N, C-alpha and C. Protein backbone atom coordinates (compact mmCIF):
# COMPACT_ATOMS: atom_id res chain seq x y z
N MET A 1 0.85 -1.20 0.00
CA MET A 1 0.00 0.00 0.00
C MET A 1 0.89 1.25 0.00
N LYS A 2 0.53 2.22 -0.80
CA LYS A 2 1.31 3.43 -0.91
C LYS A 2 1.19 4.29 0.34
N ASN A 3 2.32 4.80 0.81
CA ASN A 3 2.34 5.66 1.99
C ASN A 3 1.83 7.05 1.62
N THR A 4 0.69 7.44 2.18
CA THR A 4 0.09 8.74 1.84
C THR A 4 0.34 9.78 2.93
N GLU A 5 1.16 9.47 3.91
CA GLU A 5 1.45 10.42 4.98
C GLU A 5 2.13 11.67 4.41
N ARG A 6 1.64 12.82 4.80
CA ARG A 6 2.18 14.06 4.27
C ARG A 6 3.57 14.33 4.82
N LYS A 7 4.48 14.67 3.94
CA LYS A 7 5.83 15.00 4.36
C LYS A 7 5.88 16.43 4.90
N PRO A 8 6.87 16.73 5.73
CA PRO A 8 7.03 18.11 6.20
C PRO A 8 7.15 19.07 5.02
N ARG A 9 6.51 20.23 5.15
CA ARG A 9 6.44 21.19 4.05
C ARG A 9 7.48 22.30 4.29
N LEU A 10 8.42 22.40 3.34
CA LEU A 10 9.54 23.33 3.46
C LEU A 10 9.44 24.43 2.42
N LEU A 11 9.55 25.67 2.86
CA LEU A 11 9.63 26.83 1.99
C LEU A 11 11.05 27.37 2.05
N ILE A 12 11.64 27.65 0.89
CA ILE A 12 13.03 28.08 0.83
C ILE A 12 13.11 29.52 0.33
N PHE A 13 13.77 30.36 1.10
CA PHE A 13 14.08 31.73 0.69
C PHE A 13 15.50 31.74 0.15
N ALA A 14 15.68 32.08 -1.11
CA ALA A 14 17.00 32.10 -1.74
C ALA A 14 17.07 33.30 -2.67
N SER A 15 17.95 34.24 -2.40
CA SER A 15 17.98 35.47 -3.18
C SER A 15 18.43 35.22 -4.62
N GLY A 16 19.54 34.53 -4.81
CA GLY A 16 20.08 34.39 -6.16
C GLY A 16 20.41 35.76 -6.73
N THR A 17 20.50 35.85 -8.05
CA THR A 17 20.73 37.12 -8.72
C THR A 17 19.76 37.24 -9.90
N LYS A 18 19.77 38.39 -10.54
CA LYS A 18 18.88 38.56 -11.69
C LYS A 18 19.31 37.72 -12.88
N ASP A 19 20.58 37.26 -12.85
CA ASP A 19 21.10 36.46 -13.97
C ASP A 19 21.33 35.00 -13.63
N GLY A 20 21.38 34.65 -12.34
CA GLY A 20 21.70 33.27 -11.98
C GLY A 20 21.65 33.06 -10.48
N GLY A 21 22.66 32.36 -9.95
CA GLY A 21 22.71 32.10 -8.52
C GLY A 21 21.73 31.03 -8.11
N GLY A 22 21.53 30.91 -6.80
CA GLY A 22 20.59 29.92 -6.27
C GLY A 22 21.17 28.52 -6.18
N SER A 23 22.51 28.40 -6.12
CA SER A 23 23.12 27.06 -6.10
C SER A 23 22.79 26.29 -4.82
N GLY A 24 22.68 27.00 -3.69
CA GLY A 24 22.30 26.32 -2.45
C GLY A 24 20.88 25.78 -2.53
N PHE A 25 19.98 26.57 -3.07
CA PHE A 25 18.60 26.13 -3.28
C PHE A 25 18.57 24.91 -4.19
N GLU A 26 19.34 24.95 -5.26
CA GLU A 26 19.35 23.84 -6.21
C GLU A 26 19.91 22.58 -5.57
N ALA A 27 20.92 22.72 -4.69
CA ALA A 27 21.47 21.55 -4.00
C ALA A 27 20.42 20.91 -3.11
N LEU A 28 19.59 21.72 -2.44
CA LEU A 28 18.51 21.17 -1.63
C LEU A 28 17.47 20.46 -2.50
N VAL A 29 17.16 21.05 -3.64
CA VAL A 29 16.19 20.44 -4.56
C VAL A 29 16.71 19.08 -5.04
N GLU A 30 17.98 19.01 -5.39
CA GLU A 30 18.54 17.75 -5.87
C GLU A 30 18.51 16.69 -4.78
N ALA A 31 18.83 17.09 -3.54
CA ALA A 31 18.79 16.14 -2.42
C ALA A 31 17.37 15.62 -2.19
N GLN A 32 16.40 16.51 -2.32
CA GLN A 32 15.00 16.11 -2.17
C GLN A 32 14.56 15.20 -3.31
N LYS A 33 15.00 15.50 -4.49
CA LYS A 33 14.63 14.73 -5.67
C LYS A 33 15.09 13.28 -5.56
N TYR A 34 16.26 13.07 -4.98
CA TYR A 34 16.82 11.72 -4.88
C TYR A 34 16.54 11.06 -3.54
N GLY A 35 15.63 11.65 -2.76
CA GLY A 35 15.18 11.03 -1.54
C GLY A 35 16.11 11.17 -0.35
N MET A 36 17.13 12.01 -0.46
CA MET A 36 18.06 12.20 0.66
C MET A 36 17.53 13.24 1.65
N LEU A 37 16.78 14.20 1.15
CA LEU A 37 16.12 15.20 1.98
C LEU A 37 14.64 14.87 1.98
N ASP A 38 14.13 14.39 3.11
CA ASP A 38 12.78 13.85 3.20
C ASP A 38 11.78 14.95 3.53
N VAL A 39 11.47 15.77 2.53
CA VAL A 39 10.54 16.89 2.70
C VAL A 39 9.76 17.07 1.39
N GLU A 40 8.75 17.92 1.48
CA GLU A 40 8.10 18.45 0.28
C GLU A 40 8.49 19.92 0.19
N ILE A 41 9.17 20.29 -0.86
CA ILE A 41 9.53 21.70 -1.06
C ILE A 41 8.32 22.37 -1.71
N VAL A 42 7.67 23.23 -0.94
CA VAL A 42 6.38 23.78 -1.37
C VAL A 42 6.51 25.13 -2.07
N GLY A 43 7.72 25.69 -2.09
CA GLY A 43 7.88 26.96 -2.77
C GLY A 43 9.28 27.50 -2.62
N ALA A 44 9.62 28.43 -3.51
CA ALA A 44 10.89 29.15 -3.46
C ALA A 44 10.60 30.63 -3.59
N VAL A 45 11.25 31.42 -2.75
CA VAL A 45 11.04 32.86 -2.73
C VAL A 45 12.33 33.56 -3.13
N SER A 46 12.22 34.54 -4.01
CA SER A 46 13.37 35.36 -4.40
C SER A 46 12.90 36.75 -4.78
N PRO A 47 13.71 37.78 -4.50
CA PRO A 47 13.33 39.13 -4.93
C PRO A 47 13.60 39.38 -6.41
N HIS A 48 14.33 38.45 -7.06
CA HIS A 48 14.60 38.60 -8.50
C HIS A 48 13.54 37.82 -9.26
N TRP A 49 12.57 38.53 -9.75
CA TRP A 49 11.35 37.91 -10.27
C TRP A 49 11.60 37.05 -11.50
N GLN A 50 12.67 37.33 -12.24
CA GLN A 50 12.99 36.52 -13.42
C GLN A 50 14.40 35.96 -13.32
N GLY A 51 14.92 35.80 -12.11
CA GLY A 51 16.31 35.42 -11.89
C GLY A 51 16.56 33.93 -11.83
N GLY A 52 17.76 33.60 -11.31
CA GLY A 52 18.21 32.22 -11.30
C GLY A 52 17.35 31.30 -10.44
N VAL A 53 16.87 31.80 -9.31
CA VAL A 53 16.05 30.97 -8.43
C VAL A 53 14.75 30.58 -9.11
N ARG A 54 14.15 31.52 -9.81
CA ARG A 54 12.91 31.21 -10.53
C ARG A 54 13.15 30.13 -11.59
N LYS A 55 14.25 30.22 -12.30
CA LYS A 55 14.55 29.24 -13.35
C LYS A 55 14.70 27.84 -12.75
N ILE A 56 15.41 27.76 -11.62
CA ILE A 56 15.59 26.45 -10.95
C ILE A 56 14.25 25.92 -10.48
N ALA A 57 13.45 26.79 -9.88
CA ALA A 57 12.14 26.37 -9.37
C ALA A 57 11.25 25.85 -10.50
N GLU A 58 11.15 26.60 -11.57
CA GLU A 58 10.27 26.21 -12.67
C GLU A 58 10.77 24.94 -13.34
N ARG A 59 12.08 24.77 -13.42
CA ARG A 59 12.65 23.56 -14.03
C ARG A 59 12.31 22.31 -13.23
N ASN A 60 12.06 22.50 -11.93
CA ASN A 60 11.79 21.37 -11.04
C ASN A 60 10.34 21.31 -10.56
N GLY A 61 9.47 22.11 -11.17
CA GLY A 61 8.05 22.07 -10.83
C GLY A 61 7.73 22.59 -9.44
N ILE A 62 8.53 23.52 -8.94
CA ILE A 62 8.33 24.09 -7.60
C ILE A 62 7.71 25.47 -7.74
N PRO A 63 6.64 25.76 -7.01
CA PRO A 63 6.03 27.09 -7.10
C PRO A 63 7.04 28.18 -6.76
N PHE A 64 7.05 29.24 -7.56
CA PHE A 64 7.94 30.37 -7.33
C PHE A 64 7.13 31.55 -6.80
N ILE A 65 7.63 32.17 -5.73
CA ILE A 65 6.95 33.33 -5.15
C ILE A 65 7.87 34.53 -5.24
N PRO A 66 7.54 35.50 -6.10
CA PRO A 66 8.36 36.72 -6.17
C PRO A 66 8.18 37.55 -4.91
N TYR A 67 9.29 38.03 -4.36
CA TYR A 67 9.25 38.76 -3.09
C TYR A 67 9.39 40.26 -3.34
N SER A 68 8.54 41.01 -2.68
CA SER A 68 8.64 42.46 -2.70
C SER A 68 8.19 42.98 -1.35
N GLU A 69 8.99 43.86 -0.76
CA GLU A 69 8.63 44.42 0.53
C GLU A 69 7.38 45.30 0.42
N ILE A 70 7.08 45.74 -0.78
CA ILE A 70 5.90 46.59 -1.00
C ILE A 70 4.65 45.71 -1.18
N LEU A 71 4.78 44.66 -2.01
CA LEU A 71 3.61 43.86 -2.36
C LEU A 71 3.34 42.72 -1.39
N CYS A 72 4.39 42.17 -0.80
CA CYS A 72 4.20 41.05 0.10
C CYS A 72 5.39 40.92 1.03
N SER A 73 5.24 40.15 2.08
CA SER A 73 6.32 39.93 3.02
C SER A 73 6.29 38.48 3.45
N GLU A 74 7.34 38.07 4.20
CA GLU A 74 7.39 36.69 4.64
C GLU A 74 6.22 36.33 5.56
N SER A 75 5.68 37.31 6.29
CA SER A 75 4.56 37.03 7.19
C SER A 75 3.28 36.70 6.42
N ILE A 76 3.22 37.11 5.15
CA ILE A 76 2.08 36.78 4.30
C ILE A 76 2.34 35.49 3.53
N ILE A 77 3.55 35.35 3.03
CA ILE A 77 3.90 34.22 2.16
C ILE A 77 3.79 32.89 2.89
N ILE A 78 4.37 32.80 4.09
CA ILE A 78 4.51 31.51 4.77
C ILE A 78 3.16 30.88 5.10
N PRO A 79 2.22 31.60 5.75
CA PRO A 79 0.92 30.96 5.99
C PRO A 79 0.12 30.72 4.72
N ALA A 80 0.31 31.57 3.72
CA ALA A 80 -0.46 31.40 2.48
C ALA A 80 -0.10 30.10 1.77
N ILE A 81 1.15 29.68 1.88
CA ILE A 81 1.58 28.47 1.20
C ILE A 81 1.57 27.27 2.15
N ASP A 82 1.13 27.48 3.39
CA ASP A 82 1.02 26.41 4.39
C ASP A 82 2.37 25.73 4.64
N ALA A 83 3.41 26.55 4.77
CA ALA A 83 4.75 26.00 5.05
C ALA A 83 4.91 25.77 6.55
N GLU A 84 5.51 24.62 6.89
CA GLU A 84 5.77 24.29 8.29
C GLU A 84 7.19 24.65 8.70
N TRP A 85 8.09 24.70 7.71
CA TRP A 85 9.49 25.00 7.96
C TRP A 85 9.96 26.04 6.94
N VAL A 86 10.91 26.86 7.36
CA VAL A 86 11.47 27.87 6.47
C VAL A 86 12.99 27.79 6.51
N ALA A 87 13.60 27.57 5.36
CA ALA A 87 15.06 27.53 5.25
C ALA A 87 15.52 28.75 4.46
N LEU A 88 16.49 29.48 5.01
CA LEU A 88 17.12 30.59 4.31
C LEU A 88 18.41 30.07 3.71
N SER A 89 18.53 30.14 2.41
CA SER A 89 19.70 29.61 1.71
C SER A 89 20.23 30.68 0.77
N GLY A 90 21.16 31.49 1.27
CA GLY A 90 21.63 32.61 0.47
C GLY A 90 20.62 33.75 0.43
N TRP A 91 19.84 33.88 1.51
CA TRP A 91 18.84 34.96 1.59
C TRP A 91 19.50 36.19 2.22
N LEU A 92 19.36 37.36 1.59
CA LEU A 92 20.12 38.54 1.99
C LEU A 92 19.35 39.51 2.86
N LYS A 93 18.06 39.29 3.05
CA LYS A 93 17.25 40.22 3.82
C LYS A 93 16.99 39.68 5.23
N LYS A 94 16.68 40.59 6.15
CA LYS A 94 16.35 40.17 7.50
C LYS A 94 14.92 39.62 7.53
N ILE A 95 14.78 38.44 8.14
CA ILE A 95 13.46 37.83 8.30
C ILE A 95 12.92 38.21 9.67
N GLU A 96 11.68 38.65 9.71
CA GLU A 96 11.09 39.10 10.98
C GLU A 96 9.73 38.45 11.19
N GLY A 97 9.39 38.20 12.46
CA GLY A 97 8.06 37.77 12.82
C GLY A 97 7.76 36.30 12.58
N GLN A 98 8.80 35.49 12.32
CA GLN A 98 8.56 34.07 12.07
C GLN A 98 8.88 33.24 13.31
N ASP A 99 8.42 32.01 13.31
CA ASP A 99 8.63 31.11 14.43
C ASP A 99 10.10 30.72 14.49
N PRO A 100 10.85 31.09 15.53
CA PRO A 100 12.28 30.78 15.59
C PRO A 100 12.57 29.30 15.75
N LYS A 101 11.56 28.51 16.11
CA LYS A 101 11.76 27.06 16.25
C LYS A 101 11.82 26.37 14.89
N THR A 102 11.25 27.01 13.87
CA THR A 102 11.10 26.35 12.58
C THR A 102 11.70 27.15 11.42
N THR A 103 12.47 28.17 11.74
CA THR A 103 13.11 29.00 10.72
C THR A 103 14.62 28.96 10.95
N PHE A 104 15.38 28.61 9.91
CA PHE A 104 16.82 28.46 10.09
C PHE A 104 17.57 28.94 8.85
N ASN A 105 18.84 29.23 9.06
CA ASN A 105 19.66 29.88 8.04
C ASN A 105 21.01 29.20 7.92
N ILE A 106 21.60 29.25 6.72
CA ILE A 106 22.98 28.83 6.53
C ILE A 106 23.81 30.07 6.25
N HIS A 107 24.99 30.15 6.90
CA HIS A 107 25.84 31.34 6.79
C HIS A 107 27.23 30.90 6.35
N PRO A 108 27.86 31.62 5.40
CA PRO A 108 29.15 31.17 4.85
C PRO A 108 30.37 31.56 5.66
N ALA A 109 30.24 31.55 6.97
CA ALA A 109 31.35 31.86 7.88
C ALA A 109 30.86 31.59 9.30
N ARG A 110 31.72 31.81 10.27
CA ARG A 110 31.26 31.82 11.66
C ARG A 110 30.43 33.08 11.88
N LEU A 111 29.53 33.04 12.85
CA LEU A 111 28.63 34.18 13.04
C LEU A 111 29.33 35.39 13.63
N ALA A 112 30.61 35.25 14.02
CA ALA A 112 31.40 36.43 14.35
C ALA A 112 31.51 37.34 13.12
N PHE A 113 31.38 36.74 11.94
CA PHE A 113 31.36 37.48 10.68
C PHE A 113 29.94 37.46 10.12
N GLY A 114 29.01 37.89 10.94
CA GLY A 114 27.61 37.94 10.57
C GLY A 114 27.05 39.33 10.81
N GLY A 115 25.75 39.47 10.60
CA GLY A 115 25.10 40.75 10.82
C GLY A 115 24.85 41.49 9.51
N ARG A 116 24.34 42.68 9.63
CA ARG A 116 23.95 43.47 8.46
C ARG A 116 25.16 43.73 7.55
N GLY A 117 24.99 43.48 6.28
CA GLY A 117 26.04 43.70 5.30
C GLY A 117 26.99 42.53 5.13
N MET A 118 26.89 41.54 6.00
CA MET A 118 27.79 40.39 5.93
C MET A 118 27.14 39.27 5.12
N TYR A 119 27.23 39.40 3.82
CA TYR A 119 26.68 38.40 2.91
C TYR A 119 27.59 38.31 1.68
N GLY A 120 27.48 37.19 0.99
CA GLY A 120 28.20 37.03 -0.26
C GLY A 120 29.69 37.28 -0.11
N ILE A 121 30.25 37.93 -1.11
CA ILE A 121 31.70 38.16 -1.15
C ILE A 121 32.16 39.06 -0.01
N HIS A 122 31.26 39.88 0.54
CA HIS A 122 31.63 40.77 1.65
C HIS A 122 32.11 39.97 2.86
N VAL A 123 31.45 38.84 3.11
CA VAL A 123 31.84 37.98 4.23
C VAL A 123 33.26 37.47 4.03
N HIS A 124 33.55 37.00 2.84
CA HIS A 124 34.84 36.37 2.58
C HIS A 124 35.97 37.39 2.56
N ARG A 125 35.68 38.61 2.15
CA ARG A 125 36.68 39.68 2.24
C ARG A 125 37.02 39.97 3.70
N ALA A 126 35.98 40.02 4.53
CA ALA A 126 36.21 40.28 5.96
C ALA A 126 36.98 39.14 6.61
N VAL A 127 36.61 37.91 6.28
CA VAL A 127 37.28 36.73 6.83
C VAL A 127 38.74 36.70 6.41
N LEU A 128 38.99 36.93 5.13
CA LEU A 128 40.35 36.88 4.62
C LEU A 128 41.20 38.01 5.23
N GLY A 129 40.59 39.17 5.45
CA GLY A 129 41.31 40.26 6.10
C GLY A 129 41.72 39.89 7.52
N ALA A 130 40.83 39.24 8.25
CA ALA A 130 41.15 38.81 9.62
C ALA A 130 42.24 37.73 9.60
N PHE A 131 42.18 36.84 8.63
CA PHE A 131 43.21 35.80 8.49
C PHE A 131 44.57 36.42 8.22
N GLN A 132 44.63 37.39 7.34
CA GLN A 132 45.90 38.03 6.98
C GLN A 132 46.50 38.83 8.13
N LYS A 133 45.65 39.25 9.06
CA LYS A 133 46.13 39.94 10.27
C LYS A 133 46.50 38.97 11.39
N GLY A 134 46.31 37.68 11.14
CA GLY A 134 46.63 36.67 12.15
C GLY A 134 45.58 36.51 13.23
N LEU A 135 44.37 37.01 12.99
CA LEU A 135 43.32 36.96 14.01
C LEU A 135 42.57 35.63 14.00
N ILE A 136 42.54 34.95 12.85
CA ILE A 136 41.86 33.66 12.75
C ILE A 136 42.73 32.72 11.93
N LYS A 137 42.47 31.41 12.06
CA LYS A 137 43.24 30.41 11.32
C LYS A 137 42.44 29.75 10.22
N ASP A 138 41.11 29.81 10.32
CA ASP A 138 40.25 29.19 9.30
C ASP A 138 38.91 29.89 9.30
N THR A 139 38.02 29.43 8.43
CA THR A 139 36.65 29.94 8.40
C THR A 139 35.72 28.75 8.62
N ALA A 140 34.44 28.89 8.30
CA ALA A 140 33.50 27.81 8.58
C ALA A 140 32.21 28.01 7.79
N VAL A 141 31.43 26.96 7.75
CA VAL A 141 30.02 27.02 7.34
C VAL A 141 29.19 26.87 8.61
N SER A 142 28.25 27.77 8.82
CA SER A 142 27.41 27.74 10.02
C SER A 142 25.94 27.61 9.64
N MET A 143 25.19 26.95 10.52
CA MET A 143 23.74 26.95 10.41
C MET A 143 23.16 27.30 11.78
N HIS A 144 22.11 28.12 11.79
CA HIS A 144 21.55 28.59 13.05
C HIS A 144 20.06 28.86 12.90
N PHE A 145 19.36 28.79 14.02
CA PHE A 145 17.95 29.19 14.03
C PHE A 145 17.87 30.71 13.92
N VAL A 146 16.75 31.19 13.39
CA VAL A 146 16.60 32.61 13.10
C VAL A 146 15.71 33.27 14.14
N THR A 147 16.23 34.32 14.76
CA THR A 147 15.49 35.11 15.73
C THR A 147 15.37 36.54 15.22
N GLU A 148 14.80 37.42 16.04
CA GLU A 148 14.66 38.82 15.64
C GLU A 148 16.01 39.52 15.52
N GLU A 149 17.02 39.00 16.24
CA GLU A 149 18.36 39.57 16.15
C GLU A 149 19.04 39.08 14.88
N TYR A 150 19.60 39.99 14.11
CA TYR A 150 20.22 39.65 12.84
C TYR A 150 21.38 38.68 13.07
N ASP A 151 21.30 37.48 12.50
CA ASP A 151 22.33 36.43 12.67
C ASP A 151 22.60 36.17 14.15
N GLY A 152 21.55 36.20 14.96
CA GLY A 152 21.74 36.07 16.40
C GLY A 152 21.18 34.80 17.01
N GLY A 153 20.51 33.95 16.24
CA GLY A 153 19.93 32.74 16.79
C GLY A 153 20.99 31.71 17.14
N PRO A 154 20.62 30.70 17.95
CA PRO A 154 21.60 29.69 18.36
C PRO A 154 22.15 28.88 17.19
N VAL A 155 23.45 28.72 17.18
CA VAL A 155 24.14 27.95 16.14
C VAL A 155 24.06 26.47 16.48
N PHE A 156 23.62 25.66 15.52
CA PHE A 156 23.54 24.21 15.77
C PHE A 156 24.49 23.42 14.88
N PHE A 157 25.18 24.10 13.98
CA PHE A 157 26.14 23.43 13.11
C PHE A 157 27.22 24.41 12.70
N GLU A 158 28.47 23.99 12.85
CA GLU A 158 29.59 24.82 12.41
C GLU A 158 30.71 23.89 11.96
N TYR A 159 31.03 23.94 10.68
CA TYR A 159 32.04 23.04 10.13
C TYR A 159 33.22 23.86 9.60
N PRO A 160 34.43 23.60 10.08
CA PRO A 160 35.58 24.42 9.70
C PRO A 160 35.97 24.23 8.23
N VAL A 161 36.43 25.31 7.63
CA VAL A 161 36.90 25.32 6.24
C VAL A 161 38.27 25.99 6.23
N PRO A 162 39.28 25.36 5.65
CA PRO A 162 40.63 25.93 5.68
C PRO A 162 40.76 27.19 4.83
N ILE A 163 41.69 28.03 5.23
CA ILE A 163 42.08 29.21 4.45
C ILE A 163 43.55 29.03 4.09
N TYR A 164 43.91 29.36 2.85
CA TYR A 164 45.30 29.24 2.39
C TYR A 164 45.87 30.62 2.06
N LEU A 165 47.18 30.72 2.14
CA LEU A 165 47.85 32.01 1.92
C LEU A 165 47.59 32.55 0.52
N THR A 166 47.36 31.68 -0.43
CA THR A 166 47.14 32.10 -1.81
C THR A 166 45.68 32.44 -2.11
N ASP A 167 44.79 32.33 -1.12
CA ASP A 167 43.37 32.56 -1.34
C ASP A 167 43.07 34.01 -1.71
N THR A 168 42.12 34.18 -2.61
CA THR A 168 41.44 35.45 -2.82
C THR A 168 40.04 35.28 -2.24
N PRO A 169 39.29 36.37 -2.03
CA PRO A 169 37.90 36.21 -1.55
C PRO A 169 37.07 35.30 -2.45
N GLU A 170 37.31 35.38 -3.75
CA GLU A 170 36.52 34.58 -4.69
C GLU A 170 36.86 33.09 -4.57
N ILE A 171 38.15 32.77 -4.42
CA ILE A 171 38.56 31.37 -4.27
C ILE A 171 38.01 30.81 -2.96
N LEU A 172 38.10 31.61 -1.89
CA LEU A 172 37.59 31.18 -0.59
C LEU A 172 36.08 30.97 -0.65
N GLN A 173 35.40 31.84 -1.34
CA GLN A 173 33.95 31.73 -1.48
C GLN A 173 33.56 30.40 -2.12
N GLU A 174 34.27 29.99 -3.15
CA GLU A 174 33.95 28.73 -3.83
C GLU A 174 34.23 27.53 -2.93
N ARG A 175 35.30 27.60 -2.14
CA ARG A 175 35.61 26.49 -1.23
C ARG A 175 34.53 26.36 -0.16
N VAL A 176 34.11 27.48 0.39
CA VAL A 176 33.05 27.47 1.40
C VAL A 176 31.74 26.96 0.80
N LYS A 177 31.45 27.40 -0.41
CA LYS A 177 30.20 26.99 -1.07
C LYS A 177 30.16 25.48 -1.28
N SER A 178 31.30 24.87 -1.61
CA SER A 178 31.33 23.42 -1.81
C SER A 178 31.02 22.69 -0.52
N VAL A 179 31.46 23.23 0.62
CA VAL A 179 31.16 22.62 1.92
C VAL A 179 29.69 22.84 2.26
N GLU A 180 29.17 24.02 1.95
CA GLU A 180 27.74 24.28 2.16
C GLU A 180 26.89 23.22 1.45
N HIS A 181 27.19 22.97 0.20
CA HIS A 181 26.39 22.04 -0.59
C HIS A 181 26.53 20.61 -0.09
N LEU A 182 27.66 20.29 0.51
CA LEU A 182 27.90 18.95 1.03
C LEU A 182 27.06 18.68 2.27
N PHE A 183 26.92 19.68 3.13
CA PHE A 183 26.29 19.47 4.44
C PHE A 183 24.88 20.03 4.58
N GLN A 184 24.50 21.02 3.79
CA GLN A 184 23.24 21.73 4.05
C GLN A 184 22.04 20.79 4.05
N TRP A 185 21.95 19.90 3.08
CA TRP A 185 20.78 19.02 3.02
C TRP A 185 20.75 18.05 4.19
N VAL A 186 21.93 17.57 4.62
CA VAL A 186 22.00 16.63 5.74
C VAL A 186 21.46 17.27 7.01
N ILE A 187 21.96 18.46 7.31
CA ILE A 187 21.57 19.14 8.55
C ILE A 187 20.14 19.64 8.45
N THR A 188 19.73 20.09 7.26
CA THR A 188 18.34 20.51 7.06
C THR A 188 17.39 19.36 7.37
N ASP A 189 17.69 18.18 6.89
CA ASP A 189 16.84 17.01 7.15
C ASP A 189 16.77 16.72 8.65
N MET A 190 17.88 16.88 9.35
CA MET A 190 17.89 16.62 10.79
C MET A 190 17.04 17.64 11.55
N VAL A 191 17.07 18.88 11.11
CA VAL A 191 16.25 19.92 11.77
C VAL A 191 14.77 19.63 11.53
N ILE A 192 14.43 19.39 10.28
CA ILE A 192 13.02 19.19 9.92
C ILE A 192 12.43 17.96 10.59
N HIS A 193 13.25 16.94 10.81
CA HIS A 193 12.77 15.74 11.48
C HIS A 193 13.10 15.74 12.97
N LYS A 194 13.42 16.93 13.48
CA LYS A 194 13.51 17.25 14.91
C LYS A 194 14.59 16.47 15.65
N LYS A 195 15.64 16.08 14.92
CA LYS A 195 16.81 15.55 15.59
C LYS A 195 17.66 16.69 16.14
N ILE A 196 17.50 17.85 15.55
CA ILE A 196 18.07 19.10 16.05
C ILE A 196 16.89 20.01 16.35
N ALA A 197 16.83 20.57 17.57
CA ALA A 197 15.66 21.36 17.95
C ALA A 197 16.00 22.29 19.11
N TRP A 198 15.13 23.28 19.30
CA TRP A 198 15.19 24.12 20.50
C TRP A 198 13.80 24.69 20.75
N ASP A 199 13.61 25.33 21.89
CA ASP A 199 12.26 25.79 22.25
C ASP A 199 11.92 27.17 21.70
N GLY A 200 12.85 27.78 20.97
CA GLY A 200 12.60 29.10 20.37
C GLY A 200 12.85 30.26 21.31
N LYS A 201 13.25 29.96 22.55
CA LYS A 201 13.45 31.03 23.54
C LYS A 201 14.82 30.94 24.22
N ASP A 202 15.11 29.78 24.77
CA ASP A 202 16.31 29.60 25.58
C ASP A 202 17.38 28.88 24.77
N PRO A 203 18.52 29.52 24.46
CA PRO A 203 19.58 28.84 23.70
C PRO A 203 20.08 27.56 24.37
N ASP A 204 19.95 27.49 25.70
CA ASP A 204 20.40 26.29 26.41
C ASP A 204 19.48 25.10 26.18
N SER A 205 18.32 25.33 25.58
CA SER A 205 17.41 24.22 25.28
C SER A 205 17.78 23.51 23.98
N LEU A 206 18.80 24.01 23.29
CA LEU A 206 19.20 23.45 22.01
C LEU A 206 19.59 21.98 22.16
N VAL A 207 19.05 21.14 21.27
CA VAL A 207 19.34 19.71 21.25
C VAL A 207 20.00 19.36 19.93
N VAL A 208 21.21 18.78 20.01
CA VAL A 208 21.94 18.34 18.83
C VAL A 208 22.50 16.95 19.12
N PRO A 209 22.26 15.95 18.26
CA PRO A 209 22.80 14.62 18.51
C PRO A 209 24.32 14.65 18.66
N LYS A 210 24.84 13.88 19.58
CA LYS A 210 26.27 13.90 19.87
C LYS A 210 27.09 13.54 18.64
N GLY A 211 26.61 12.64 17.83
CA GLY A 211 27.37 12.23 16.66
C GLY A 211 27.50 13.31 15.61
N TYR A 212 26.69 14.36 15.73
CA TYR A 212 26.73 15.46 14.77
C TYR A 212 27.03 16.78 15.46
N ARG A 213 27.75 16.72 16.55
CA ARG A 213 27.93 17.92 17.36
C ARG A 213 29.07 18.79 16.82
N PHE A 214 28.86 19.33 15.61
CA PHE A 214 29.78 20.29 15.04
C PHE A 214 29.33 21.68 15.51
N LEU A 215 29.66 22.01 16.76
CA LEU A 215 29.21 23.26 17.35
C LEU A 215 30.38 24.19 17.61
N PRO A 216 30.12 25.50 17.72
CA PRO A 216 31.20 26.45 17.99
C PRO A 216 31.89 26.13 19.31
N LYS A 217 33.17 26.38 19.35
CA LYS A 217 33.90 26.20 20.60
C LYS A 217 33.54 27.32 21.55
N LYS A 218 33.27 26.97 22.83
CA LYS A 218 32.92 27.98 23.80
C LYS A 218 34.15 28.45 24.56
């Protein structure tokens, strides 16, 4: 008998660009397509109405929702599409008013290099500058729950990525992106199936399986 149980419904916010981008979103779609990410992707949101994210979504039969702060916001989109989980994958805007227990983000560095303006190549320039000054030895891919504070939610995954003396921001960006694509779907699946969880209020309530405890050093 066919299993008709509804899978968790995931909405993905991915900015991309007007000409392309959206590689993190596409990696999640591919993982879902081959049964590695056990969810139903119910929509993709991007502010670039004819950009790379839309092309990926349409190619894979996923509803595309164009984002505009004037016409609509995340507080309207999420209930309208009946999404239970929200993943930010290369999303550049601040998300407000959502459930912090079910909204999470991937960041291309440690959250010490987070906050307003810390996205894309800007992050890697800042990281490389700190490395060249001897302040850090490596960078990382981080995933965290989303709260009202910009890049301030509890981190539940942090995987180190090496930096080399010959790196440029662009080379470092590609190395970090390859690690993002390797781990994002794995950790996303764990969050959605509540192997990683928290109560949305107290960071000390964070639960992460010991075998996957890639957490920041305290």
